[in-house]
C-alpha atoms as a PDB file:
ATOM      1  CA  MET A   1      -5.504  -2.242  -7.123  1.00  0.00           C
ATOM      2  CA  ARG A   2      -5.492  -6.425  -6.926  1.00  0.00           C
ATOM      3  CA  LYS A   3      -4.693  -8.459  -4.121  1.00  0.00           C
ATOM      4  CA  THR A   4      -1.331  -9.368  -3.696  1.00  0.00           C
ATOM      5  CA  GLY A   5      -1.493 -12.909  -2.599  1.00  0.00           C
ATOM      6  CA  LEU A   6       1.668 -12.123  -0.346  1.00  0.00           C
ATOM      7  CA  SER A   7      -0.464 -12.375   3.134  1.00  0.00           C
ATOM      8  CA  SER A   8      -0.674 -15.694   5.073  1.00  0.00           C
ATOM      9  CA  PRO A   9      -3.809 -17.459   5.094  1.00  0.00           C
ATOM     10  CA  ALA A  10      -4.421 -16.558   8.751  1.00  0.00           C
ATOM     11  CA  TYR A  11      -4.899 -13.239   7.265  1.00  0.00           C
ATOM     12  CA  ALA A  12      -7.117 -13.811   4.439  1.00  0.00           C
ATOM     13  CA  ASP A  13      -9.521 -11.439   5.556  1.00  0.00           C
ATOM     14  CA  TRP A  14      -7.404  -8.421   5.830  1.00  0.00           C
ATOM     15  CA  PHE A  15      -6.621  -5.887   2.898  1.00  0.00           C
ATOM     16  CA  ASP A  16      -3.601  -6.008   1.035  1.00  0.00           C
ATOM     17  CA  CYS A  17      -3.399  -4.913  -2.720  1.00  0.00           C
ATOM     18  CA  VAL A  18      -1.046  -3.496  -5.238  1.00  0.00           C
ATOM     19  CA  VAL A  19      -1.585  -0.333  -7.117  1.00  0.00           C
ATOM     20  CA  TYR A  20      -1.569  -0.272 -10.888  1.00  0.00           C
ATOM     21  CA  ASP A  21      -0.604   2.665 -13.156  1.00  0.00           C
ATOM     22  CA  ASP A  22      -1.025   1.844 -16.843  1.00  0.00           C
ATOM     23  CA  GLY A  23      -0.137  -1.954 -16.206  1.00  0.00           C
ATOM     24  CA  ARG A  24       2.615  -1.335 -14.188  1.00  0.00           C
ATOM     25  CA  PRO A  25       2.690  -2.069 -10.032  1.00  0.00           C
ATOM     26  CA  ILE A  26       3.225   1.426  -8.493  1.00  0.00           C
ATOM     27  CA  GLY A  27       2.962   0.871  -4.766  1.00  0.00           C
ATOM     28  CA  ARG A  28       0.846  -1.007  -2.240  1.00  0.00           C
ATOM     29  CA  ILE A  29      -1.958  -0.546   0.382  1.00  0.00           C
ATOM     30  CA  TYR A  30      -2.334  -2.610   3.197  1.00  0.00           C
ATOM     31  CA  GLU A  31      -4.593  -3.209   6.451  1.00  0.00           C
ATOM     32  CA  ASP A  32      -2.225  -3.859  10.143  1.00  0.00           C
ATOM     33  CA  ARG A  33      -4.336  -4.614  12.937  1.00  0.00           C
ATOM     34  CA  HIS A  34      -1.316  -5.345  15.151  1.00  0.00           C
ATOM     35  CA  THR A  35      -0.492  -1.550  15.852  1.00  0.00           C
ATOM     36  CA  LEU A  36      -2.609   1.428  16.816  1.00  0.00           C
ATOM     37  CA  PRO A  37      -5.666   2.504  15.138  1.00  0.00           C
ATOM     38  CA  GLU A  38      -4.104   5.671  13.867  1.00  0.00           C
ATOM     39  CA  LEU A  39      -1.726   4.009  11.853  1.00  0.00           C
ATOM     40  CA  ARG A  40      -3.858   0.737  11.089  1.00  0.00           C
ATOM     41  CA  TRP A  41      -3.476   1.190   7.038  1.00  0.00           C
ATOM     42  CA  PHE A  42       0.222   1.621   5.376  1.00  0.00           C
ATOM     43  CA  TRP A  43       0.441   2.896   1.698  1.00  0.00           C
ATOM     44  CA  SER A  44       3.661   2.978  -0.529  1.00  0.00           C
ATOM     45  CA  LEU A  45       4.601   4.512  -3.798  1.00  0.00           C
ATOM     46  CA  THR A  46       7.217   4.574  -5.749  1.00  0.00           C
ATOM     47  CA  VAL A  47       8.632   6.928  -8.880  1.00  0.00           C
ATOM     48  CA  LEU A  48      10.858   6.608 -11.231  1.00  0.00           C
ATOM     49  CA  GLY A  49      13.473   9.543 -10.945  1.00  0.00           C
ATOM     50  CA  ALA A  50      15.713  11.088 -13.136  1.00  0.00           C
ATOM     51  CA  GLY A  51      18.311   7.908 -14.705  1.00  0.00           C
ATOM     52  CA  HIS A  52      15.144   5.779 -13.428  1.00  0.00           C
ATOM     53  CA  ALA A  53      16.101   6.322  -9.718  1.00  0.00           C
ATOM     54  CA  ARG A  54      13.367   5.004  -7.600  1.00  0.00           C
ATOM     55  CA  ILE A  55      11.911   7.395  -4.896  1.00  0.00           C
ATOM     56  CA  PRO A  56       9.976   5.816  -2.358  1.00  0.00           C
ATOM     57  CA  TYR A  57       7.091   7.570  -0.651  1.00  0.00           C
ATOM     58  CA  ASN A  58       4.992   6.112   2.373  1.00  0.00           C
ATOM     59  CA  GLY A  59       3.038   6.341   5.238  1.00  0.00           C
ATOM     60  CA  ARG A  60       0.376   5.354   7.838  1.00  0.00           C
ATOM     61  CA  VAL A  61      -3.104   6.653   7.919  1.00  0.00           C
ATOM     62  CA  PRO A  62      -6.129   5.433   9.961  1.00  0.00           C
ATOM     63  CA  THR A  63      -8.727   4.867   7.325  1.00  0.00           C
ATOM     64  CA  LEU A  64      -8.283   3.076   3.889  1.00  0.00           C
ATOM     65  CA  GLU A  65      -9.751   6.313   2.312  1.00  0.00           C
ATOM     66  CA  GLN A  66      -6.880   8.035   3.382  1.00  0.00           C
ATOM     67  CA  ALA A  67      -4.624   5.667   2.675  1.00  0.00           C
ATOM     68  CA  LYS A  68      -6.140   5.803  -0.992  1.00  0.00           C
ATOM     69  CA  ALA A  69      -6.455   9.701  -1.135  1.00  0.00           C
ATOM     70  CA  GLU A  70      -2.625   9.949  -0.092  1.00  0.00           C
ATOM     71  CA  HIS A  71      -1.310   7.338  -2.437  1.00  0.00           C
END
């Protein structure tokens, strides 16, 4: 995982990372403090399907550990 650098400086202390697999970006995990505690962590993953179709998966969970596990 590497920091995205996409966040505003006002949110610099919030977790926001791109997830890589073998050097390729495949997803993202970030913290959203403006939502309910049980939805605080957003994760997304994009995989390539047949014919290079992109298949997105994503969800929201209460903890970073859960976001990493589900990612």
